Amino acid sequence: MAVVRARRFEYRVDTSPDSTARSDRGGAELRRDDAWSPEHLVLAALARCTLTSLEYHARRAGLTATASVTTRGVVTRRESDERFAFVDISAELDLEVEPRPASDALRELAANAERDCFVGASLTAKPVYTWTIDGEEL
């Protein structure tokens, strides 16, 4: 019986002595910028990953989904090991889905987007997600 192996995704970022980062996919360089700290980049990565996961699951369900995301995080000394780390992370998503499915399908879409965002799954402090559609929280 053949062993089924999980898909494997590899990424590389090269960072120079002046802290300029370059992706293995090309694109614009990410220069050191005090406005975009590493902590901000983690929160941006969580937002982008959640959106990518949302769009994927919506497409599979025959839907079009878009969302705006506000992520927040608190970094302080963790009680468990006295190291500075994210201890609280939240993501608030304002969602639009076309065509509009039933409430149960919307909740399933949100749950799948959360579950399959590998950035959120990789964080020790698990993100708390809030999903809103047409002003109503899911």
C-alpha atoms as a PDB file:
ATOM      1  CA  MET A   1       0.000   0.000   0.000  1.00  0.00           C
ATOM      2  CA  ALA A   2       1.416   3.380  -1.015  1.00  0.00           C
ATOM      3  CA  VAL A   3       2.074   5.963   1.644  1.00  0.00           C
ATOM      4  CA  VAL A   4       0.231   9.215   1.008  1.00  0.00           C
ATOM      5  CA  ARG A   5       2.414  12.177   1.774  1.00  0.00           C
ATOM      6  CA  ALA A   6       1.115  15.610   2.668  1.00  0.00           C
ATOM      7  CA  ARG A   7       1.740  18.417   0.241  1.00  0.00           C
ATOM      8  CA  ARG A   8       4.798  20.384   1.194  1.00  0.00           C
ATOM      9  CA  PHE A   9       5.208  24.119   0.711  1.00  0.00           C
ATOM     10  CA  GLU A  10       8.603  25.751   1.014  1.00  0.00           C
ATOM     11  CA  TYR A  11       9.368  29.450   1.219  1.00  0.00           C
ATOM     12  CA  ARG A  12      12.577  31.439   1.455  1.00  0.00           C
ATOM     13  CA  VAL A  13      13.337  35.028   2.360  1.00  0.00           C
ATOM     14  CA  ASP A  14      16.876  36.391   2.103  1.00  0.00           C
ATOM     15  CA  THR A  15      17.682  39.323   4.356  1.00  0.00           C
ATOM     16  CA  SER A  16      20.747  41.493   3.804  1.00  0.00           C
ATOM     17  CA  PRO A  17      22.829  43.203   6.515  1.00  0.00           C
ATOM     18  CA  ASP A  18      20.738  46.379   6.073  1.00  0.00           C
ATOM     19  CA  SER A  19      17.577  44.300   6.842  1.00  0.00           C
ATOM     20  CA  THR A  20      16.230  44.436   3.284  1.00  0.00           C
ATOM     21  CA  ALA A  21      14.247  41.252   2.658  1.00  0.00           C
ATOM     22  CA  ARG A  22      13.753  39.546  -0.691  1.00  0.00           C
ATOM     23  CA  SER A  23      11.243  36.800  -1.441  1.00  0.00           C
ATOM     24  CA  ASP A  24      12.163  33.718  -3.420  1.00  0.00           C
ATOM     25  CA  ARG A  25       9.125  34.594  -5.572  1.00  0.00           C
ATOM     26  CA  GLY A  26      10.541  37.956  -6.628  1.00  0.00           C
ATOM     27  CA  GLY A  27       8.452  41.078  -6.236  1.00  0.00           C
ATOM     28  CA  ALA A  28       9.316  44.259  -4.430  1.00  0.00           C
ATOM     29  CA  GLU A  29      11.996  44.268  -1.769  1.00  0.00           C
ATOM     30  CA  LEU A  30      10.834  44.793   1.779  1.00  0.00           C
ATOM     31  CA  ARG A  31      13.125  47.420   3.209  1.00  0.00           C
ATOM     32  CA  ARG A  32      13.637  48.054   6.897  1.00  0.00           C
ATOM     33  CA  ASP A  33      10.949  50.484   7.946  1.00  0.00           C
ATOM     34  CA  ASP A  34      10.147  51.461  11.514  1.00  0.00           C
ATOM     35  CA  ALA A  35       6.457  51.740  10.589  1.00  0.00           C
ATOM     36  CA  TRP A  36       6.391  48.017   9.699  1.00  0.00           C
ATOM     37  CA  SER A  37       7.938  46.189  12.639  1.00  0.00           C
ATOM     38  CA  PRO A  38       8.301  42.412  12.641  1.00  0.00           C
ATOM     39  CA  GLU A  39       5.262  42.321  14.944  1.00  0.00           C
ATOM     40  CA  HIS A  40       3.182  44.232  12.376  1.00  0.00           C
ATOM     41  CA  LEU A  41       4.353  41.827   9.685  1.00  0.00           C
ATOM     42  CA  VAL A  42       3.148  38.830  11.737  1.00  0.00           C
ATOM     43  CA  LEU A  43      -0.294  40.447  12.057  1.00  0.00           C
ATOM     44  CA  ALA A  44      -0.340  41.274   8.335  1.00  0.00           C
ATOM     45  CA  ALA A  45       0.623  37.684   7.552  1.00  0.00           C
ATOM     46  CA  LEU A  46      -2.272  36.413   9.672  1.00  0.00           C
ATOM     47  CA  ALA A  47      -4.699  38.721   7.840  1.00  0.00           C
ATOM     48  CA  ARG A  48      -3.430  37.767   4.376  1.00  0.00           C
ATOM     49  CA  CYS A  49      -3.391  34.059   5.182  1.00  0.00           C
ATOM     50  CA  THR A  50      -6.947  34.135   6.559  1.00  0.00           C
ATOM     51  CA  LEU A  51      -8.142  35.983   3.443  1.00  0.00           C
ATOM     52  CA  THR A  52      -6.403  33.485   1.163  1.00  0.00           C
ATOM     53  CA  SER A  53      -8.006  30.602   3.040  1.00  0.00           C
ATOM     54  CA  LEU A  54     -11.422  32.306   2.919  1.00  0.00           C
ATOM     55  CA  GLU A  55     -11.183  32.886  -0.830  1.00  0.00           C
ATOM     56  CA  TYR A  56     -10.127  29.271  -1.414  1.00  0.00           C
ATOM     57  CA  HIS A  57     -13.040  27.785   0.529  1.00  0.00           C
ATOM     58  CA  ALA A  58     -15.530  30.220  -1.003  1.00  0.00           C
ATOM     59  CA  ARG A  59     -14.389  29.256  -4.514  1.00  0.00           C
ATOM     60  CA  ARG A  60     -14.801  25.563  -3.693  1.00  0.00           C
ATOM     61  CA  ALA A  61     -18.365  26.296  -2.551  1.00  0.00           C
ATOM     62  CA  GLY A  62     -19.156  28.275  -5.718  1.00  0.00           C
ATOM     63  CA  LEU A  63     -19.134  31.592  -3.858  1.00  0.00           C
ATOM     64  CA  THR A  64     -17.240  34.843  -4.126  1.00  0.00           C
ATOM     65  CA  ALA A  65     -16.001  36.108  -0.767  1.00  0.00           C
ATOM     66  CA  THR A  66     -14.117  39.257   0.113  1.00  0.00           C
ATOM     67  CA  ALA A  67     -13.316  40.714   3.488  1.00  0.00           C
ATOM     68  CA  SER A  68     -11.492  43.511   5.156  1.00  0.00           C
ATOM     69  CA  VAL A  69      -9.456  42.496   8.185  1.00  0.00           C
ATOM     70  CA  THR A  70      -8.246  44.299  11.280  1.00  0.00           C
ATOM     71  CA  THR A  71      -5.692  42.344  13.290  1.00  0.00           C
ATOM     72  CA  ARG A  72      -4.480  43.270  16.749  1.00  0.00           C
ATOM     73  CA  GLY A  73      -1.856  41.740  18.959  1.00  0.00           C
ATOM     74  CA  VAL A  74      -0.369  42.174  22.407  1.00  0.00           C
ATOM     75  CA  VAL A  75       3.270  41.359  23.055  1.00  0.00           C
ATOM     76  CA  THR A  76       4.402  41.028  26.651  1.00  0.00           C
ATOM     77  CA  ARG A  77       6.242  38.610  28.873  1.00  0.00           C
ATOM     78  CA  ARG A  78       4.511  35.211  28.891  1.00  0.00           C
ATOM     79  CA  GLU A  79       3.854  33.768  32.314  1.00  0.00           C
ATOM     80  CA  SER A  80       4.727  30.242  31.174  1.00  0.00           C
ATOM     81  CA  ASP A  81       8.371  30.921  30.280  1.00  0.00           C
ATOM     82  CA  GLU A  82       9.021  34.621  31.033  1.00  0.00           C
ATOM     83  CA  ARG A  83       9.794  35.316  27.332  1.00  0.00           C
ATOM     84  CA  PHE A  84       8.366  38.207  25.362  1.00  0.00           C
ATOM     85  CA  ALA A  85       5.881  36.940  22.797  1.00  0.00           C
ATOM     86  CA  PHE A  86       2.419  37.519  21.388  1.00  0.00           C
ATOM     87  CA  VAL A  87       0.019  36.627  24.180  1.00  0.00           C
ATOM     88  CA  ASP A  88      -3.207  37.895  22.615  1.00  0.00           C
ATOM     89  CA  ILE A  89      -4.097  38.075  18.924  1.00  0.00           C
ATOM     90  CA  SER A  90      -7.411  38.943  17.331  1.00  0.00           C
ATOM     91  CA  ALA A  91      -8.678  39.205  13.777  1.00  0.00           C
ATOM     92  CA  GLU A  92     -11.888  41.058  12.960  1.00  0.00           C
ATOM     93  CA  LEU A  93     -13.238  40.334   9.491  1.00  0.00           C
ATOM     94  CA  ASP A  94     -15.988  42.247   7.728  1.00  0.00           C
ATOM     95  CA  LEU A  95     -17.244  39.771   5.163  1.00  0.00           C
ATOM     96  CA  GLU A  96     -19.117  39.973   1.854  1.00  0.00           C
ATOM     97  CA  VAL A  97     -20.285  36.770   0.171  1.00  0.00           C
ATOM     98  CA  GLU A  98     -22.072  36.390  -3.163  1.00  0.00           C
ATOM     99  CA  PRO A  99     -24.448  34.719  -3.564  1.00  0.00           C
ATOM    100  CA  ARG A 100     -25.387  34.906   0.104  1.00  0.00           C
ATOM    101  CA  PRO A 101     -25.577  31.389   1.580  1.00  0.00           C
ATOM    102  CA  ALA A 102     -27.527  30.289   4.649  1.00  0.00           C
ATOM    103  CA  SER A 103     -26.150  31.146   8.095  1.00  0.00           C
ATOM    104  CA  ASP A 104     -24.876  27.604   8.675  1.00  0.00           C
ATOM    105  CA  ALA A 105     -22.907  27.710   5.429  1.00  0.00           C
ATOM    106  CA  LEU A 106     -21.431  31.095   6.389  1.00  0.00           C
ATOM    107  CA  ARG A 107     -20.317  29.736   9.758  1.00  0.00           C
ATOM    108  CA  GLU A 108     -18.771  26.707   8.041  1.00  0.00           C
ATOM    109  CA  LEU A 109     -16.961  28.984   5.563  1.00  0.00           C
ATOM    110  CA  ALA A 110     -15.539  31.086   8.424  1.00  0.00           C
ATOM    111  CA  ALA A 111     -14.532  27.990  10.415  1.00  0.00           C
ATOM    112  CA  ASN A 112     -12.737  26.507   7.400  1.00  0.00           C
ATOM    113  CA  ALA A 113     -10.924  29.793   6.720  1.00  0.00           C
ATOM    114  CA  GLU A 114      -9.715  29.897  10.334  1.00  0.00           C
ATOM    115  CA  ARG A 115      -8.723  26.236  10.413  1.00  0.00           C
ATOM    116  CA  ASP A 116      -6.785  26.301   7.153  1.00  0.00           C
ATOM    117  CA  CYS A 117      -4.842  29.526   7.715  1.00  0.00           C
ATOM    118  CA  PHE A 118      -1.448  27.992   8.438  1.00  0.00           C
ATOM    119  CA  VAL A 119      -0.110  31.246   9.910  1.00  0.00           C
ATOM    120  CA  GLY A 120      -2.830  31.261  12.579  1.00  0.00           C
ATOM    121  CA  ALA A 121      -2.310  27.532  13.158  1.00  0.00           C
ATOM    122  CA  SER A 122       1.438  28.157  13.617  1.00  0.00           C
ATOM    123  CA  LEU A 123       1.077  30.751  16.359  1.00  0.00           C
ATOM    124  CA  THR A 124       1.366  29.780  20.022  1.00  0.00           C
ATOM    125  CA  ALA A 125      -1.153  32.472  20.963  1.00  0.00           C
ATOM    126  CA  LYS A 126      -4.201  31.242  19.048  1.00  0.00           C
ATOM    127  CA  PRO A 127      -6.025  34.043  17.246  1.00  0.00           C
ATOM    128  CA  VAL A 128      -9.562  34.936  18.244  1.00  0.00           C
ATOM    129  CA  TYR A 129     -11.603  35.601  15.110  1.00  0.00           C
ATOM    130  CA  THR A 130     -14.698  37.774  14.844  1.00  0.00           C
ATOM    131  CA  TRP A 131     -16.688  37.563  11.600  1.00  0.00           C
ATOM    132  CA  THR A 132     -19.249  40.210  10.637  1.00  0.00           C
ATOM    133  CA  ILE A 133     -21.533  40.263   7.613  1.00  0.00           C
ATOM    134  CA  ASP A 134     -23.969  43.103   6.940  1.00  0.00           C
ATOM    135  CA  GLY A 135     -23.332  44.455  10.434  1.00  0.00           C
ATOM    136  CA  GLU A 136     -24.176  41.163  12.162  1.00  0.00           C
ATOM    137  CA  GLU A 137     -21.650  39.001  13.937  1.00  0.00           C
ATOM    138  CA  LEU A 138     -21.639  35.351  12.818  1.00  0.00           C
END
